[in-house]
Amino acid sequence: MKHIIHSSEDLGFALRAVRKSAKVRLDDLSQTAGVSKQTTTNLEKGKPTVQFGKVLQLLKEVGLTLSVDLPEAALPALRRVQRDALERSMGSPGSDHA
């Protein structure tokens, strides 16, 4: 089921609901996701300063996905940005398009 997230608090509520429905303890989730218990607590309380990478680790661990509703007109630019990033990571010269 899709649930629209409008704030860090909404995301925290969703994480907590999934964790509790799975009967997983907060410290167990933290350990398996490789983050501190404080990080998990902060996210579940909606603290907006939790590192994004750690947010993604926690979401992945409980089976939640994060997506954006990208306008169709932005798809060509997204593909260019992704291609340019791949080329840079492989050491190919490329320009950064605005």
PDB file of N, CA and C in Angstrom:
ATOM      1  N   MET A   1       0.838  -1.179   0.000  1.00  0.00           N
ATOM      2  CA  MET A   1       0.000   0.000   0.000  1.00  0.00           C
ATOM      3  C   MET A   1       0.884   1.244   0.000  1.00  0.00           C
ATOM      4  N   LYS A   2       0.579   2.172  -0.889  1.00  0.00           N
ATOM      5  CA  LYS A   2       1.324   3.425  -0.926  1.00  0.00           C
ATOM      6  C   LYS A   2       0.841   4.336   0.193  1.00  0.00           C
ATOM      7  N   HIS A   3       1.798   5.026   0.793  1.00  0.00           N
ATOM      8  CA  HIS A   3       1.488   5.997   1.841  1.00  0.00           C
ATOM      9  C   HIS A   3       2.343   7.224   1.569  1.00  0.00           C
ATOM     10  N   ILE A   4       1.722   8.346   1.342  1.00  0.00           N
ATOM     11  CA  ILE A   4       2.460   9.561   1.008  1.00  0.00           C
ATOM     12  C   ILE A   4       3.117  10.131   2.263  1.00  0.00           C
ATOM     13  N   ILE A   5       4.391  10.458   2.121  1.00  0.00           N
ATOM     14  CA  ILE A   5       5.176  11.020   3.216  1.00  0.00           C
ATOM     15  C   ILE A   5       5.353  12.512   2.966  1.00  0.00           C
ATOM     16  N   HIS A   6       4.948  13.306   3.939  1.00  0.00           N
ATOM     17  CA  HIS A   6       5.066  14.753   3.817  1.00  0.00           C
ATOM     18  C   HIS A   6       6.144  15.334   4.727  1.00  0.00           C
ATOM     19  N   SER A   7       6.641  14.532   5.639  1.00  0.00           N
ATOM     20  CA  SER A   7       7.605  15.055   6.612  1.00  0.00           C
ATOM     21  C   SER A   7       8.455  13.917   7.166  1.00  0.00           C
ATOM     22  N   SER A   8       9.522  14.300   7.841  1.00  0.00           N
ATOM     23  CA  SER A   8      10.359  13.285   8.488  1.00  0.00           C
ATOM     24  C   SER A   8       9.553  12.566   9.574  1.00  0.00           C
ATOM     25  N   GLU A   9       8.622  13.265  10.171  1.00  0.00           N
ATOM     26  CA  GLU A   9       7.776  12.637  11.188  1.00  0.00           C
ATOM     27  C   GLU A   9       6.895  11.550  10.566  1.00  0.00           C
ATOM     28  N   ASP A  10       6.323  11.824   9.402  1.00  0.00           N
ATOM     29  CA  ASP A  10       5.514  10.811   8.701  1.00  0.00           C
ATOM     30  C   ASP A  10       6.336   9.559   8.413  1.00  0.00           C
ATOM     31  N   LEU A  11       7.576   9.756   7.968  1.00  0.00           N
ATOM     32  CA  LEU A  11       8.446   8.623   7.655  1.00  0.00           C
ATOM     33  C   LEU A  11       8.765   7.834   8.922  1.00  0.00           C
ATOM     34  N   GLY A  12       9.016   8.544  10.001  1.00  0.00           N
ATOM     35  CA  GLY A  12       9.285   7.883  11.277  1.00  0.00           C
ATOM     36  C   GLY A  12       8.101   7.061  11.757  1.00  0.00           C
ATOM     37  N   PHE A  13       6.894   7.621  11.612  1.00  0.00           N
ATOM     38  CA  PHE A  13       5.691   6.879  12.010  1.00  0.00           C
ATOM     39  C   PHE A  13       5.551   5.606  11.181  1.00  0.00           C
ATOM     40  N   ALA A  14       5.825   5.703   9.880  1.00  0.00           N
ATOM     41  CA  ALA A  14       5.709   4.532   9.006  1.00  0.00           C
ATOM     42  C   ALA A  14       6.714   3.460   9.404  1.00  0.00           C
ATOM     43  N   LEU A  15       7.949   3.870   9.655  1.00  0.00           N
ATOM     44  CA  LEU A  15       8.970   2.906  10.078  1.00  0.00           C
ATOM     45  C   LEU A  15       8.557   2.225  11.379  1.00  0.00           C
ATOM     46  N   ARG A  16       8.118   3.017  12.327  1.00  0.00           N
ATOM     47  CA  ARG A  16       7.739   2.456  13.626  1.00  0.00           C
ATOM     48  C   ARG A  16       6.559   1.495  13.490  1.00  0.00           C
ATOM     49  N   ALA A  17       5.571   1.860  12.674  1.00  0.00           N
ATOM     50  CA  ALA A  17       4.397   1.001  12.483  1.00  0.00           C
ATOM     51  C   ALA A  17       4.801  -0.349  11.887  1.00  0.00           C
ATOM     52  N   VAL A  18       5.683  -0.329  10.894  1.00  0.00           N
ATOM     53  CA  VAL A  18       6.127  -1.577  10.270  1.00  0.00           C
ATOM     54  C   VAL A  18       6.928  -2.399  11.265  1.00  0.00           C
ATOM     55  N   ARG A  19       7.821  -1.745  11.989  1.00  0.00           N
ATOM     56  CA  ARG A  19       8.638  -2.466  12.977  1.00  0.00           C
ATOM     57  C   ARG A  19       7.764  -3.115  14.033  1.00  0.00           C
ATOM     58  N   LYS A  20       6.811  -2.355  14.564  1.00  0.00           N
ATOM     59  CA  LYS A  20       5.950  -2.895  15.622  1.00  0.00           C
ATOM     60  C   LYS A  20       5.029  -3.999  15.092  1.00  0.00           C
ATOM     61  N   SER A  21       4.526  -3.832  13.876  1.00  0.00           N
ATOM     62  CA  SER A  21       3.636  -4.867  13.324  1.00  0.00           C
ATOM     63  C   SER A  21       4.396  -6.166  13.090  1.00  0.00           C
ATOM     64  N   ALA A  22       5.714  -6.052  12.861  1.00  0.00           N
ATOM     65  CA  ALA A  22       6.554  -7.237  12.688  1.00  0.00           C
ATOM     66  C   ALA A  22       7.075  -7.756  14.028  1.00  0.00           C
ATOM     67  N   LYS A  23       6.715  -7.070  15.107  1.00  0.00           N
ATOM     68  CA  LYS A  23       7.137  -7.442  16.461  1.00  0.00           C
ATOM     69  C   LYS A  23       8.660  -7.492  16.588  1.00  0.00           C
ATOM     70  N   VAL A  24       9.304  -6.484  15.996  1.00  0.00           N
ATOM     71  CA  VAL A  24      10.761  -6.372  16.062  1.00  0.00           C
ATOM     72  C   VAL A  24      11.102  -5.294  17.086  1.00  0.00           C
ATOM     73  N   ARG A  25      12.027  -5.612  17.970  1.00  0.00           N
ATOM     74  CA  ARG A  25      12.460  -4.631  18.965  1.00  0.00           C
ATOM     75  C   ARG A  25      13.351  -3.588  18.303  1.00  0.00           C
ATOM     76  N   LEU A  26      13.293  -2.384  18.809  1.00  0.00           N
ATOM     77  CA  LEU A  26      14.065  -1.279  18.267  1.00  0.00           C
ATOM     78  C   LEU A  26      15.554  -1.584  18.256  1.00  0.00           C
ATOM     79  N   ASP A  27      16.064  -2.137  19.329  1.00  0.00           N
ATOM     80  CA  ASP A  27      17.502  -2.434  19.373  1.00  0.00           C
ATOM     81  C   ASP A  27      17.879  -3.552  18.402  1.00  0.00           C
ATOM     82  N   ASP A  28      16.976  -4.509  18.179  1.00  0.00           N
ATOM     83  CA  ASP A  28      17.256  -5.570  17.205  1.00  0.00           C
ATOM     84  C   ASP A  28      17.297  -5.010  15.782  1.00  0.00           C
ATOM     85  N   LEU A  29      16.347  -4.134  15.453  1.00  0.00           N
ATOM     86  CA  LEU A  29      16.347  -3.501  14.135  1.00  0.00           C
ATOM     87  C   LEU A  29      17.624  -2.698  13.934  1.00  0.00           C
ATOM     88  N   SER A  30      17.986  -1.937  14.939  1.00  0.00           N
ATOM     89  CA  SER A  30      19.196  -1.116  14.845  1.00  0.00           C
ATOM     90  C   SER A  30      20.413  -1.981  14.555  1.00  0.00           C
ATOM     91  N   GLN A  31      20.523  -3.070  15.285  1.00  0.00           N
ATOM     92  CA  GLN A  31      21.688  -3.956  15.120  1.00  0.00           C
ATOM     93  C   GLN A  31      21.716  -4.578  13.725  1.00  0.00           C
ATOM     94  N   THR A  32      20.600  -5.103  13.262  1.00  0.00           N
ATOM     95  CA  THR A  32      20.596  -5.757  11.957  1.00  0.00           C
ATOM     96  C   THR A  32      20.782  -4.755  10.820  1.00  0.00           C
ATOM     97  N   ALA A  33      20.339  -3.510  11.025  1.00  0.00           N
ATOM     98  CA  ALA A  33      20.508  -2.481   9.990  1.00  0.00           C
ATOM     99  C   ALA A  33      21.890  -1.840  10.044  1.00  0.00           C
ATOM    100  N   GLY A  34      22.613  -2.091  11.129  1.00  0.00           N
ATOM    101  CA  GLY A  34      23.948  -1.532  11.258  1.00  0.00           C
ATOM    102  C   GLY A  34      23.973  -0.061  11.629  1.00  0.00           C
ATOM    103  N   VAL A  35      22.961   0.366  12.375  1.00  0.00           N
ATOM    104  CA  VAL A  35      22.915   1.754  12.850  1.00  0.00           C
ATOM    105  C   VAL A  35      22.756   1.747  14.360  1.00  0.00           C
ATOM    106  N   SER A  36      22.991   2.885  14.978  1.00  0.00           N
ATOM    107  CA  SER A  36      22.854   2.955  16.427  1.00  0.00           C
ATOM    108  C   SER A  36      21.378   2.975  16.830  1.00  0.00           C
ATOM    109  N   LYS A  37      21.130   2.552  18.052  1.00  0.00           N
ATOM    110  CA  LYS A  37      19.769   2.588  18.601  1.00  0.00           C
ATOM    111  C   LYS A  37      19.266   4.030  18.615  1.00  0.00           C
ATOM    112  N   GLN A  38      20.168   4.979  18.897  1.00  0.00           N
ATOM    113  CA  GLN A  38      19.777   6.391  18.927  1.00  0.00           C
ATOM    114  C   GLN A  38      19.333   6.860  17.539  1.00  0.00           C
ATOM    115  N   THR A  39      20.005   6.399  16.500  1.00  0.00           N
ATOM    116  CA  THR A  39      19.616   6.769  15.138  1.00  0.00           C
ATOM    117  C   THR A  39      18.214   6.274  14.831  1.00  0.00           C
ATOM    118  N   THR A  40      17.931   5.022  15.181  1.00  0.00           N
ATOM    119  CA  THR A  40      16.601   4.467  14.938  1.00  0.00           C
ATOM    120  C   THR A  40      15.551   5.238  15.734  1.00  0.00           C
ATOM    121  N   THR A  41      15.861   5.520  16.985  1.00  0.00           N
ATOM    122  CA  THR A  41      14.940   6.297  17.829  1.00  0.00           C
ATOM    123  C   THR A  41      14.692   7.667  17.205  1.00  0.00           C
ATOM    124  N   ASN A  42      15.758   8.325  16.779  1.00  0.00           N
ATOM    125  CA  ASN A  42      15.618   9.659  16.185  1.00  0.00           C
ATOM    126  C   ASN A  42      14.742   9.630  14.943  1.00  0.00           C
ATOM    127  N   LEU A  43      14.936   8.627  14.090  1.00  0.00           N
ATOM    128  CA  LEU A  43      14.113   8.531  12.884  1.00  0.00           C
ATOM    129  C   LEU A  43      12.653   8.272  13.248  1.00  0.00           C
ATOM    130  N   GLU A  44      12.414   7.335  14.149  1.00  0.00           N
ATOM    131  CA  GLU A  44      11.038   7.029  14.527  1.00  0.00           C
ATOM    132  C   GLU A  44      10.336   8.228  15.165  1.00  0.00           C
ATOM    133  N   LYS A  45      11.104   9.119  15.771  1.00  0.00           N
ATOM    134  CA  LYS A  45      10.519  10.335  16.367  1.00  0.00           C
ATOM    135  C   LYS A  45      10.423  11.477  15.357  1.00  0.00           C
ATOM    136  N   GLY A  46      10.872  11.229  14.134  1.00  0.00           N
ATOM    137  CA  GLY A  46      10.737  12.229  13.083  1.00  0.00           C
ATOM    138  C   GLY A  46      11.798  13.299  13.075  1.00  0.00           C
ATOM    139  N   LYS A  47      12.908  13.046  13.722  1.00  0.00           N
ATOM    140  CA  LYS A  47      13.988  14.036  13.742  1.00  0.00           C
ATOM    141  C   LYS A  47      14.536  14.206  12.325  1.00  0.00           C
ATOM    142  N   PRO A  48      14.527  15.420  11.792  1.00  0.00           N
ATOM    143  CA  PRO A  48      14.912  15.623  10.392  1.00  0.00           C
ATOM    144  C   PRO A  48      16.413  15.585  10.118  1.00  0.00           C
ATOM    145  N   THR A  49      17.229  15.443  11.146  1.00  0.00           N
ATOM    146  CA  THR A  49      18.681  15.487  10.947  1.00  0.00           C
ATOM    147  C   THR A  49      19.336  14.112  10.844  1.00  0.00           C
ATOM    148  N   VAL A  50      18.543  13.047  10.803  1.00  0.00           N
ATOM    149  CA  VAL A  50      19.110  11.704  10.655  1.00  0.00           C
ATOM    150  C   VAL A  50      19.749  11.601   9.271  1.00  0.00           C
ATOM    151  N   GLN A  51      20.954  11.047   9.217  1.00  0.00           N
ATOM    152  CA  GLN A  51      21.658  10.915   7.939  1.00  0.00           C
ATOM    153  C   GLN A  51      20.839  10.091   6.959  1.00  0.00           C
ATOM    154  N   PHE A  52      20.754  10.598   5.735  1.00  0.00           N
ATOM    155  CA  PHE A  52      19.912   9.965   4.725  1.00  0.00           C
ATOM    156  C   PHE A  52      20.323   8.524   4.442  1.00  0.00           C
ATOM    157  N   GLY A  53      21.602   8.249   4.401  1.00  0.00           N
ATOM    158  CA  GLY A  53      22.064   6.886   4.162  1.00  0.00           C
ATOM    159  C   GLY A  53      21.579   5.927   5.240  1.00  0.00           C
ATOM    160  N   LYS A  54      21.552   6.395   6.470  1.00  0.00           N
ATOM    161  CA  LYS A  54      21.085   5.560   7.576  1.00  0.00           C
ATOM    162  C   LYS A  54      19.576   5.350   7.491  1.00  0.00           C
ATOM    163  N   VAL A  55      18.865   6.384   7.042  1.00  0.00           N
ATOM    164  CA  VAL A  55      17.422   6.249   6.821  1.00  0.00           C
ATOM    165  C   VAL A  55      17.175   5.139   5.806  1.00  0.00           C
ATOM    166  N   LEU A  56      17.916   5.167   4.709  1.00  0.00           N
ATOM    167  CA  LEU A  56      17.740   4.144   3.674  1.00  0.00           C
ATOM    168  C   LEU A  56      18.073   2.752   4.195  1.00  0.00           C
ATOM    169  N   GLN A  57      19.108   2.629   5.030  1.00  0.00           N
ATOM    170  CA  GLN A  57      19.461   1.330   5.619  1.00  0.00           C
ATOM    171  C   GLN A  57      18.289   0.791   6.443  1.00  0.00           C
ATOM    172  N   LEU A  58      17.709   1.647   7.268  1.00  0.00           N
ATOM    173  CA  LEU A  58      16.607   1.209   8.126  1.00  0.00           C
ATOM    174  C   LEU A  58      15.375   0.837   7.300  1.00  0.00           C
ATOM    175  N   LEU A  59      15.055   1.655   6.299  1.00  0.00           N
ATOM    176  CA  LEU A  59      13.899   1.342   5.460  1.00  0.00           C
ATOM    177  C   LEU A  59      14.081   0.009   4.752  1.00  0.00           C
ATOM    178  N   LYS A  60      15.279  -0.207   4.213  1.00  0.00           N
ATOM    179  CA  LYS A  60      15.565  -1.465   3.515  1.00  0.00           C
ATOM    180  C   LYS A  60      15.412  -2.655   4.463  1.00  0.00           C
ATOM    181  N   GLU A  61      15.898  -2.496   5.679  1.00  0.00           N
ATOM    182  CA  GLU A  61      15.858  -3.600   6.645  1.00  0.00           C
ATOM    183  C   GLU A  61      14.433  -4.046   6.971  1.00  0.00           C
ATOM    184  N   VAL A  62      13.477  -3.090   6.990  1.00  0.00           N
ATOM    185  CA  VAL A  62      12.088  -3.464   7.302  1.00  0.00           C
ATOM    186  C   VAL A  62      11.251  -3.689   6.045  1.00  0.00           C
ATOM    187  N   GLY A  63      11.891  -3.576   4.866  1.00  0.00           N
ATOM    188  CA  GLY A  63      11.176  -3.855   3.626  1.00  0.00           C
ATOM    189  C   GLY A  63      10.407  -2.678   3.050  1.00  0.00           C
ATOM    190  N   LEU A  64      10.710  -1.465   3.517  1.00  0.00           N
ATOM    191  CA  LEU A  64      10.061  -0.281   2.954  1.00  0.00           C
ATOM    192  C   LEU A  64      10.912   0.271   1.818  1.00  0.00           C
ATOM    193  N   THR A  65      10.256   0.836   0.822  1.00  0.00           N
ATOM    194  CA  THR A  65      10.963   1.471  -0.280  1.00  0.00           C
ATOM    195  C   THR A  65      10.620   2.955  -0.303  1.00  0.00           C
ATOM    196  N   LEU A  66      11.529   3.722  -0.838  1.00  0.00           N
ATOM    197  CA  LEU A  66      11.331   5.159  -0.959  1.00  0.00           C
ATOM    198  C   LEU A  66      11.319   5.487  -2.439  1.00  0.00           C
ATOM    199  N   SER A  67      10.334   6.255  -2.883  1.00  0.00           N
ATOM    200  CA  SER A  67      10.266   6.612  -4.293  1.00  0.00           C
ATOM    201  C   SER A  67       9.834   8.073  -4.417  1.00  0.00           C
ATOM    202  N   VAL A  68      10.068   8.607  -5.600  1.00  0.00           N
ATOM    203  CA  VAL A  68       9.619   9.964  -5.899  1.00  0.00           C
ATOM    204  C   VAL A  68       8.741   9.901  -7.135  1.00  0.00           C
ATOM    205  N   ASP A  69       7.802  10.808  -7.227  1.00  0.00           N
ATOM    206  CA  ASP A  69       6.917  10.899  -8.377  1.00  0.00           C
ATOM    207  C   ASP A  69       7.538  11.917  -9.329  1.00  0.00           C
ATOM    208  N   LEU A  70       8.355  11.398 -10.235  1.00  0.00           N
ATOM    209  CA  LEU A  70       9.139  12.235 -11.132  1.00  0.00           C
ATOM    210  C   LEU A  70       8.298  12.650 -12.336  1.00  0.00           C
ATOM    211  N   PRO A  71       8.267  13.946 -12.656  1.00  0.00           N
ATOM    212  CA  PRO A  71       7.526  14.370 -13.855  1.00  0.00           C
ATOM    213  C   PRO A  71       8.125  13.737 -15.106  1.00  0.00           C
ATOM    214  N   GLU A  72       7.294  13.369 -16.030  1.00  0.00           N
ATOM    215  CA  GLU A  72       7.732  12.740 -17.288  1.00  0.00           C
ATOM    216  C   GLU A  72       8.787  13.594 -17.998  1.00  0.00           C
ATOM    217  N   ALA A  73       8.625  14.903 -17.944  1.00  0.00           N
ATOM    218  CA  ALA A  73       9.556  15.811 -18.624  1.00  0.00           C
ATOM    219  C   ALA A  73      10.961  15.755 -18.031  1.00  0.00           C
ATOM    220  N   ALA A  74      11.095  15.284 -16.816  1.00  0.00           N
ATOM    221  CA  ALA A  74      12.408  15.228 -16.162  1.00  0.00           C
ATOM    222  C   ALA A  74      13.166  13.935 -16.463  1.00  0.00           C
ATOM    223  N   LEU A  75      12.521  12.953 -17.068  1.00  0.00           N
ATOM    224  CA  LEU A  75      13.176  11.667 -17.316  1.00  0.00           C
ATOM    225  C   LEU A  75      14.424  11.772 -18.192  1.00  0.00           C
ATOM    226  N   PRO A  76      14.405  12.527 -19.297  1.00  0.00           N
ATOM    227  CA  PRO A  76      15.638  12.633 -20.093  1.00  0.00           C
ATOM    228  C   PRO A  76      16.797  13.236 -19.287  1.00  0.00           C
ATOM    229  N   ALA A  77      16.519  14.242 -18.490  1.00  0.00           N
ATOM    230  CA  ALA A  77      17.564  14.849 -17.661  1.00  0.00           C
ATOM    231  C   ALA A  77      18.074  13.862 -16.625  1.00  0.00           C
ATOM    232  N   LEU A  78      17.187  13.064 -16.038  1.00  0.00           N
ATOM    233  CA  LEU A  78      17.601  12.054 -15.071  1.00  0.00           C
ATOM    234  C   LEU A  78      18.534  11.044 -15.725  1.00  0.00           C
ATOM    235  N   ARG A  79      18.184  10.600 -16.893  1.00  0.00           N
ATOM    236  CA  ARG A  79      19.028   9.622 -17.598  1.00  0.00           C
ATOM    237  C   ARG A  79      20.405  10.210 -17.911  1.00  0.00           C
ATOM    238  N   ARG A  80      20.447  11.495 -18.305  1.00  0.00           N
ATOM    239  CA  ARG A  80      21.737  12.149 -18.570  1.00  0.00           C
ATOM    240  C   ARG A  80      22.574  12.222 -17.304  1.00  0.00           C
ATOM    241  N   VAL A  81      21.956  12.623 -16.216  1.00  0.00           N
ATOM    242  CA  VAL A  81      22.670  12.747 -14.943  1.00  0.00           C
ATOM    243  C   VAL A  81      23.208  11.382 -14.512  1.00  0.00           C
ATOM    244  N   GLN A  82      22.391  10.344 -14.640  1.00  0.00           N
ATOM    245  CA  GLN A  82      22.827   8.997 -14.275  1.00  0.00           C
ATOM    246  C   GLN A  82      23.972   8.527 -15.178  1.00  0.00           C
ATOM    247  N   ARG A  83      23.856   8.773 -16.473  1.00  0.00           N
ATOM    248  CA  ARG A  83      24.903   8.374 -17.419  1.00  0.00           C
ATOM    249  C   ARG A  83      26.208   9.106 -17.115  1.00  0.00           C
ATOM    250  N   ASP A  84      26.106  10.409 -16.869  1.00  0.00           N
ATOM    251  CA  ASP A  84      27.302  11.199 -16.554  1.00  0.00           C
ATOM    252  C   ASP A  84      27.965  10.703 -15.272  1.00  0.00           C
ATOM    253  N   ALA A  85      27.179  10.381 -14.273  1.00  0.00           N
ATOM    254  CA  ALA A  85      27.733   9.881 -13.009  1.00  0.00           C
ATOM    255  C   ALA A  85      28.423   8.538 -13.226  1.00  0.00           C
ATOM    256  N   LEU A  86      27.827   7.669 -14.038  1.00  0.00           N
ATOM    257  CA  LEU A  86      28.430   6.377 -14.335  1.00  0.00           C
ATOM    258  C   LEU A  86      29.756   6.561 -15.078  1.00  0.00           C
ATOM    259  N   GLU A  87      29.757   7.459 -16.045  1.00  0.00           N
ATOM    260  CA  GLU A  87      30.986   7.707 -16.800  1.00  0.00           C
ATOM    261  C   GLU A  87      32.085   8.252 -15.889  1.00  0.00           C
ATOM    262  N   ARG A  88      31.738   9.160 -14.990  1.00  0.00           N
ATOM    263  CA  ARG A  88      32.735   9.697 -14.058  1.00  0.00           C
ATOM    264  C   ARG A  88      33.260   8.608 -13.140  1.00  0.00           C
ATOM    265  N   SER A  89      32.398   7.723 -12.692  1.00  0.00           N
ATOM    266  CA  SER A  89      32.838   6.663 -11.778  1.00  0.00           C
ATOM    267  C   SER A  89      33.743   5.655 -12.486  1.00  0.00           C
ATOM    268  N   MET A  90      33.604   5.565 -13.788  1.00  0.00           N
ATOM    269  CA  MET A  90      34.440   4.643 -14.567  1.00  0.00           C
ATOM    270  C   MET A  90      35.677   5.349 -15.095  1.00  0.00           C
ATOM    271  N   GLY A  91      35.846   6.622 -14.750  1.00  0.00           N
ATOM    272  CA  GLY A  91      37.033   7.355 -15.162  1.00  0.00           C
ATOM    273  C   GLY A  91      36.950   7.970 -16.535  1.00  0.00           C
ATOM    274  N   SER A  92      35.773   7.942 -17.144  1.00  0.00           N
ATOM    275  CA  SER A  92      35.634   8.552 -18.472  1.00  0.00           C
ATOM    276  C   SER A  92      35.434  10.050 -18.331  1.00  0.00           C
ATOM    277  N   PRO A  93      36.027  10.818 -19.221  1.00  0.00           N
ATOM    278  CA  PRO A  93      35.802  12.262 -19.153  1.00  0.00           C
ATOM    279  C   PRO A  93      34.365  12.566 -19.540  1.00  0.00           C
ATOM    280  N   GLY A  94      33.777  13.478 -18.861  1.00  0.00           N
ATOM    281  CA  GLY A  94      32.398  13.869 -19.143  1.00  0.00           C
ATOM    282  C   GLY A  94      32.163  15.258 -18.616  1.00  0.00           C
ATOM    283  N   SER A  95      31.162  15.884 -19.120  1.00  0.00           N
ATOM    284  CA  SER A  95      30.863  17.231 -18.642  1.00  0.00           C
ATOM    285  C   SER A  95      29.638  17.163 -17.738  1.00  0.00           C
ATOM    286  N   ASP A  96      29.550  18.115 -16.876  1.00  0.00           N
ATOM    287  CA  ASP A  96      28.416  18.198 -15.956  1.00  0.00           C
ATOM    288  C   ASP A  96      27.390  19.121 -16.568  1.00  0.00           C
ATOM    289  N   HIS A  97      26.300  18.560 -17.040  1.00  0.00           N
ATOM    290  CA  HIS A  97      25.251  19.355 -17.668  1.00  0.00           C
ATOM    291  C   HIS A  97      24.350  19.960 -16.614  1.00  0.00           C
ATOM    292  N   ALA A  98      23.936  21.195 -16.835  1.00  0.00           N
ATOM    293  CA  ALA A  98      23.051  21.883 -15.885  1.00  0.00           C
ATOM    294  C   ALA A  98      21.631  21.430 -16.056  1.00  0.00           C
TER     295      ALA A  98
END
